[in-house]
Amino acid sequence: MGSKRLSKLAMLNAGVPCIAGYQGSAQDDTTLHAEAERIGYPLMIKASAGGGGRGMRLVHQREQLLEHLRTARSEAQNAFGSDELILEQALIEPRHVEIQLFGDTQGNLIYLGERDCSIQRRHQKVIEEAPCPVMTPELRQAMGEAALKAGRAVNYVVPAPWNSCSTVTAGSISWK
């Protein structure tokens, strides 16, 4: 799952809830601009390859889009050897929660628990807290079942975290 674009397509095909966005192969400015308008602002531009916040830009207004596309492409190309991008609806002040999966070669797959990785600096985890302090049993089950769908879609057979973002609003938690 080294390509965010292909990974997201696989997750959507598996029925895993995903943040609204664009993960198509057309990468020209005209297409990305049209998709940004469809998604709405604010939105995130992300390098399809790599991680660590490189090639990632938060766009608040359409007037910023082309400049941020150029910057994100250049940074992604220099850091990862690929200028392929995806666009996603921006989640402002999300909780970054990971569900731990474990699978074996016999087709068994379970989720073991979650950890909150929301305390970050420059898109890098600083502290991981387990269990997640705002998790409810119902949300844990829903996220765990979504993580299992994700794991089955890519045939996980080792311990691996499944990433999710959630937002806390008016005393309730929503996740994607």
C-alpha atoms as a PDB file:
ATOM      1  CA  MET A   1       0.000   0.000   0.000  1.00  0.00           C
ATOM      2  CA  GLY A   2       2.833   2.413  -0.873  1.00  0.00           C
ATOM      3  CA  SER A   3       0.655   4.560  -3.151  1.00  0.00           C
ATOM      4  CA  LYS A   4      -2.000   6.616  -1.367  1.00  0.00           C
ATOM      5  CA  ARG A   5      -3.887   6.877  -4.665  1.00  0.00           C
ATOM      6  CA  LEU A   6      -4.027   3.131  -5.311  1.00  0.00           C
ATOM      7  CA  SER A   7      -4.556   2.355  -1.623  1.00  0.00           C
ATOM      8  CA  LYS A   8      -7.540   4.656  -1.440  1.00  0.00           C
ATOM      9  CA  LEU A   9      -9.029   3.102  -4.571  1.00  0.00           C
ATOM     10  CA  ALA A  10      -8.603  -0.348  -2.995  1.00  0.00           C
ATOM     11  CA  MET A  11     -10.282   0.821   0.220  1.00  0.00           C
ATOM     12  CA  LEU A  12     -13.208   2.382  -1.642  1.00  0.00           C
ATOM     13  CA  ASN A  13     -13.639  -0.839  -3.647  1.00  0.00           C
ATOM     14  CA  ALA A  14     -13.650  -2.800  -0.370  1.00  0.00           C
ATOM     15  CA  GLY A  15     -16.376  -0.577   1.096  1.00  0.00           C
ATOM     16  CA  VAL A  16     -14.134   1.062   3.701  1.00  0.00           C
ATOM     17  CA  PRO A  17     -15.297   4.564   4.722  1.00  0.00           C
ATOM     18  CA  CYS A  18     -12.870   7.149   3.291  1.00  0.00           C
ATOM     19  CA  ILE A  19     -12.489  10.909   3.351  1.00  0.00           C
ATOM     20  CA  ALA A  20     -14.085  12.521   0.285  1.00  0.00           C
ATOM     21  CA  GLY A  21     -11.494  13.317  -2.350  1.00  0.00           C
ATOM     22  CA  TYR A  22      -9.929  12.695  -5.741  1.00  0.00           C
ATOM     23  CA  GLN A  23      -7.598   9.760  -6.370  1.00  0.00           C
ATOM     24  CA  GLY A  24      -7.750   9.576 -10.141  1.00  0.00           C
ATOM     25  CA  SER A  25      -4.871   9.071 -12.559  1.00  0.00           C
ATOM     26  CA  ALA A  26      -5.435  12.372 -14.430  1.00  0.00           C
ATOM     27  CA  GLN A  27      -2.999  14.789 -12.812  1.00  0.00           C
ATOM     28  CA  ASP A  28      -3.242  17.920 -14.962  1.00  0.00           C
ATOM     29  CA  ASP A  29      -4.076  21.280 -13.380  1.00  0.00           C
ATOM     30  CA  THR A  30      -7.465  21.502 -15.093  1.00  0.00           C
ATOM     31  CA  THR A  31      -8.616  18.156 -13.709  1.00  0.00           C
ATOM     32  CA  LEU A  32      -7.279  18.824 -10.215  1.00  0.00           C
ATOM     33  CA  HIS A  33      -8.898  22.273 -10.184  1.00  0.00           C
ATOM     34  CA  ALA A  34     -12.285  20.812 -11.188  1.00  0.00           C
ATOM     35  CA  GLU A  35     -11.980  18.080  -8.550  1.00  0.00           C
ATOM     36  CA  ALA A  36     -11.008  20.630  -5.892  1.00  0.00           C
ATOM     37  CA  GLU A  37     -14.156  22.588  -6.697  1.00  0.00           C
ATOM     38  CA  ARG A  38     -16.227  19.394  -6.377  1.00  0.00           C
ATOM     39  CA  ILE A  39     -14.633  18.494  -3.018  1.00  0.00           C
ATOM     40  CA  GLY A  40     -14.776  22.025  -1.622  1.00  0.00           C
ATOM     41  CA  TYR A  41     -12.450  24.008   0.608  1.00  0.00           C
ATOM     42  CA  PRO A  42     -10.535  23.639   2.772  1.00  0.00           C
ATOM     43  CA  LEU A  43      -8.824  20.655   1.171  1.00  0.00           C
ATOM     44  CA  MET A  44      -5.556  18.778   1.485  1.00  0.00           C
ATOM     45  CA  ILE A  45      -3.151  18.129  -1.359  1.00  0.00           C
ATOM     46  CA  LYS A  46      -1.098  15.011  -0.616  1.00  0.00           C
ATOM     47  CA  ALA A  47       1.762  13.313  -2.403  1.00  0.00           C
ATOM     48  CA  SER A  48       0.604   9.835  -3.383  1.00  0.00           C
ATOM     49  CA  ALA A  49       4.014   8.383  -2.515  1.00  0.00           C
ATOM     50  CA  GLY A  50       5.900   8.727   0.750  1.00  0.00           C
ATOM     51  CA  GLY A  51       4.726  10.411   3.904  1.00  0.00           C
ATOM     52  CA  GLY A  52       5.874  12.536   6.779  1.00  0.00           C
ATOM     53  CA  GLY A  53       4.016  15.585   5.546  1.00  0.00           C
ATOM     54  CA  ARG A  54       6.182  16.013   2.465  1.00  0.00           C
ATOM     55  CA  GLY A  55       4.192  17.032  -0.587  1.00  0.00           C
ATOM     56  CA  MET A  56       1.272  17.895   1.667  1.00  0.00           C
ATOM     57  CA  ARG A  57      -0.465  21.279   1.562  1.00  0.00           C
ATOM     58  CA  LEU A  58      -3.607  22.676   3.191  1.00  0.00           C
ATOM     59  CA  VAL A  59      -5.576  24.853   0.765  1.00  0.00           C
ATOM     60  CA  HIS A  60      -8.127  27.206   2.317  1.00  0.00           C
ATOM     61  CA  GLN A  61      -9.247  29.049  -0.836  1.00  0.00           C
ATOM     62  CA  ARG A  62      -9.349  28.316  -4.578  1.00  0.00           C
ATOM     63  CA  GLU A  63      -6.947  31.210  -5.243  1.00  0.00           C
ATOM     64  CA  GLN A  64      -4.203  29.230  -3.441  1.00  0.00           C
ATOM     65  CA  LEU A  65      -4.745  25.983  -5.336  1.00  0.00           C
ATOM     66  CA  LEU A  66      -2.408  26.307  -8.344  1.00  0.00           C
ATOM     67  CA  GLU A  67       0.492  27.601  -6.248  1.00  0.00           C
ATOM     68  CA  HIS A  68       0.081  24.769  -3.733  1.00  0.00           C
ATOM     69  CA  LEU A  69      -0.232  22.172  -6.530  1.00  0.00           C
ATOM     70  CA  ARG A  70       3.097  23.302  -8.004  1.00  0.00           C
ATOM     71  CA  THR A  71       4.807  23.273  -4.608  1.00  0.00           C
ATOM     72  CA  ALA A  72       3.387  19.872  -3.619  1.00  0.00           C
ATOM     73  CA  ARG A  73       4.336  18.320  -6.988  1.00  0.00           C
ATOM     74  CA  SER A  74       7.882  19.640  -6.804  1.00  0.00           C
ATOM     75  CA  GLU A  75       8.378  18.496  -3.226  1.00  0.00           C
ATOM     76  CA  ALA A  76       6.885  15.058  -3.950  1.00  0.00           C
ATOM     77  CA  GLN A  77       9.060  14.590  -7.029  1.00  0.00           C
ATOM     78  CA  ASN A  78      12.214  15.583  -5.151  1.00  0.00           C
ATOM     79  CA  ALA A  79      11.445  13.529  -2.042  1.00  0.00           C
ATOM     80  CA  PHE A  80       9.839  10.410  -3.537  1.00  0.00           C
ATOM     81  CA  GLY A  81      10.589  10.377  -7.275  1.00  0.00           C
ATOM     82  CA  SER A  82       6.897  10.772  -8.146  1.00  0.00           C
ATOM     83  CA  ASP A  83       4.811  13.916  -8.527  1.00  0.00           C
ATOM     84  CA  GLU A  84       1.479  12.072  -8.355  1.00  0.00           C
ATOM     85  CA  LEU A  85      -1.028  13.750  -6.002  1.00  0.00           C
ATOM     86  CA  ILE A  86      -4.363  13.070  -4.362  1.00  0.00           C
ATOM     87  CA  LEU A  87      -6.859  15.625  -3.040  1.00  0.00           C
ATOM     88  CA  GLU A  88      -8.924  15.175   0.114  1.00  0.00           C
ATOM     89  CA  GLN A  89     -11.451  17.153   2.061  1.00  0.00           C
ATOM     90  CA  ALA A  90      -9.495  18.734   4.928  1.00  0.00           C
ATOM     91  CA  LEU A  91     -10.411  17.635   8.426  1.00  0.00           C
ATOM     92  CA  ILE A  92      -9.579  20.521  10.745  1.00  0.00           C
ATOM     93  CA  GLU A  93      -8.290  19.448  14.172  1.00  0.00           C
ATOM     94  CA  PRO A  94      -8.912  15.712  13.616  1.00  0.00           C
ATOM     95  CA  ARG A  95      -8.089  12.890  15.961  1.00  0.00           C
ATOM     96  CA  HIS A  96      -5.633  10.504  14.333  1.00  0.00           C
ATOM     97  CA  VAL A  97      -6.577   7.033  15.559  1.00  0.00           C
ATOM     98  CA  GLU A  98      -4.865   3.818  14.486  1.00  0.00           C
ATOM     99  CA  ILE A  99      -6.387   0.367  14.854  1.00  0.00           C
ATOM    100  CA  GLN A 100      -3.888  -2.478  15.281  1.00  0.00           C
ATOM    101  CA  LEU A 101      -4.519  -5.473  13.003  1.00  0.00           C
ATOM    102  CA  PHE A 102      -3.021  -8.927  13.181  1.00  0.00           C
ATOM    103  CA  GLY A 103      -3.439 -11.546  10.478  1.00  0.00           C
ATOM    104  CA  ASP A 104      -2.043 -14.985   9.805  1.00  0.00           C
ATOM    105  CA  THR A 105      -1.462 -17.043   6.674  1.00  0.00           C
ATOM    106  CA  GLN A 106      -4.643 -19.058   7.347  1.00  0.00           C
ATOM    107  CA  GLY A 107      -6.896 -16.085   6.557  1.00  0.00           C
ATOM    108  CA  ASN A 108      -7.610 -15.114  10.162  1.00  0.00           C
ATOM    109  CA  LEU A 109      -7.613 -11.370  10.869  1.00  0.00           C
ATOM    110  CA  ILE A 110      -8.394  -9.555  14.119  1.00  0.00           C
ATOM    111  CA  TYR A 111      -8.143  -6.052  15.486  1.00  0.00           C
ATOM    112  CA  LEU A 112      -6.421  -5.754  18.826  1.00  0.00           C
ATOM    113  CA  GLY A 113      -7.142  -2.211  19.941  1.00  0.00           C
ATOM    114  CA  GLU A 114      -6.507   1.392  19.057  1.00  0.00           C
ATOM    115  CA  ARG A 115      -4.127   4.203  19.809  1.00  0.00           C
ATOM    116  CA  ASP A 116      -4.584   7.941  19.496  1.00  0.00           C
ATOM    117  CA  CYS A 117      -1.735   9.517  17.532  1.00  0.00           C
ATOM    118  CA  SER A 118      -3.216  13.020  17.413  1.00  0.00           C
ATOM    119  CA  ILE A 119      -0.334  14.799  19.127  1.00  0.00           C
ATOM    120  CA  GLN A 120       1.888  15.578  16.166  1.00  0.00           C
ATOM    121  CA  ARG A 121       4.532  18.029  15.063  1.00  0.00           C
ATOM    122  CA  ARG A 122       4.849  18.690  11.332  1.00  0.00           C
ATOM    123  CA  HIS A 123       2.616  15.688  10.575  1.00  0.00           C
ATOM    124  CA  GLN A 124       4.858  13.346  12.586  1.00  0.00           C
ATOM    125  CA  LYS A 125       3.510  11.475  15.616  1.00  0.00           C
ATOM    126  CA  VAL A 126       5.024  12.696  18.888  1.00  0.00           C
ATOM    127  CA  ILE A 127       2.911  10.747  21.386  1.00  0.00           C
ATOM    128  CA  GLU A 128       0.773   7.627  20.965  1.00  0.00           C
ATOM    129  CA  GLU A 129      -1.878   7.076  23.626  1.00  0.00           C
ATOM    130  CA  ALA A 130      -3.643   3.758  24.125  1.00  0.00           C
ATOM    131  CA  PRO A 131      -6.466   3.331  24.486  1.00  0.00           C
ATOM    132  CA  CYS A 132      -7.799   6.413  22.706  1.00  0.00           C
ATOM    133  CA  PRO A 133      -9.234   8.663  25.435  1.00  0.00           C
ATOM    134  CA  VAL A 134     -12.398   9.635  23.500  1.00  0.00           C
ATOM    135  CA  MET A 135     -13.233   6.201  22.100  1.00  0.00           C
ATOM    136  CA  THR A 136     -16.637   4.687  22.804  1.00  0.00           C
ATOM    137  CA  PRO A 137     -17.333   0.948  22.585  1.00  0.00           C
ATOM    138  CA  GLU A 138     -19.622   1.534  19.581  1.00  0.00           C
ATOM    139  CA  LEU A 139     -17.031   3.606  17.717  1.00  0.00           C
ATOM    140  CA  ARG A 140     -14.278   1.084  18.569  1.00  0.00           C
ATOM    141  CA  GLN A 141     -16.383  -1.698  17.052  1.00  0.00           C
ATOM    142  CA  ALA A 142     -17.265   0.306  13.919  1.00  0.00           C
ATOM    143  CA  MET A 143     -13.663   1.359  13.346  1.00  0.00           C
ATOM    144  CA  GLY A 144     -12.412  -2.151  14.080  1.00  0.00           C
ATOM    145  CA  GLU A 145     -14.796  -3.662  11.542  1.00  0.00           C
ATOM    146  CA  ALA A 146     -13.744  -1.072   8.937  1.00  0.00           C
ATOM    147  CA  ALA A 147     -10.102  -1.900   9.680  1.00  0.00           C
ATOM    148  CA  LEU A 148     -10.859  -5.593   9.110  1.00  0.00           C
ATOM    149  CA  LYS A 149     -12.386  -4.757   5.694  1.00  0.00           C
ATOM    150  CA  ALA A 150      -9.240  -2.809   4.871  1.00  0.00           C
ATOM    151  CA  GLY A 151      -6.983  -5.638   6.002  1.00  0.00           C
ATOM    152  CA  ARG A 152      -8.897  -8.266   4.049  1.00  0.00           C
ATOM    153  CA  ALA A 153      -8.781  -6.096   0.911  1.00  0.00           C
ATOM    154  CA  VAL A 154      -4.973  -6.206   0.926  1.00  0.00           C
ATOM    155  CA  ASN A 155      -4.448  -9.637   2.561  1.00  0.00           C
ATOM    156  CA  TYR A 156      -2.589  -8.431   5.671  1.00  0.00           C
ATOM    157  CA  VAL A 157      -0.697 -11.284   7.319  1.00  0.00           C
ATOM    158  CA  VAL A 158       1.447  -9.377   9.812  1.00  0.00           C
ATOM    159  CA  PRO A 159       0.834  -6.922  12.640  1.00  0.00           C
ATOM    160  CA  ALA A 160      -0.057  -3.603  10.999  1.00  0.00           C
ATOM    161  CA  PRO A 161      -1.760  -0.350  11.987  1.00  0.00           C
ATOM    162  CA  TRP A 162      -4.784   0.916  10.044  1.00  0.00           C
ATOM    163  CA  ASN A 163      -5.028   4.713  10.081  1.00  0.00           C
ATOM    164  CA  SER A 164      -8.198   6.678  10.515  1.00  0.00           C
ATOM    165  CA  CYS A 165      -9.069  10.257  11.300  1.00  0.00           C
ATOM    166  CA  SER A 166     -11.983  11.336  13.402  1.00  0.00           C
ATOM    167  CA  THR A 167     -13.385  14.651  14.512  1.00  0.00           C
ATOM    168  CA  VAL A 168     -14.988  15.482  17.815  1.00  0.00           C
ATOM    169  CA  THR A 169     -17.962  17.839  17.509  1.00  0.00           C
ATOM    170  CA  ALA A 170     -20.656  18.755  19.996  1.00  0.00           C
ATOM    171  CA  GLY A 171     -19.975  15.784  22.232  1.00  0.00           C
ATOM    172  CA  SER A 172     -20.030  13.209  19.444  1.00  0.00           C
ATOM    173  CA  ILE A 173     -17.325  11.605  17.352  1.00  0.00           C
ATOM    174  CA  SER A 174     -17.432  11.084  13.620  1.00  0.00           C
ATOM    175  CA  TRP A 175     -14.754   9.271  11.678  1.00  0.00           C
ATOM    176  CA  LYS A 176     -13.591   8.645   8.135  1.00  0.00           C
END
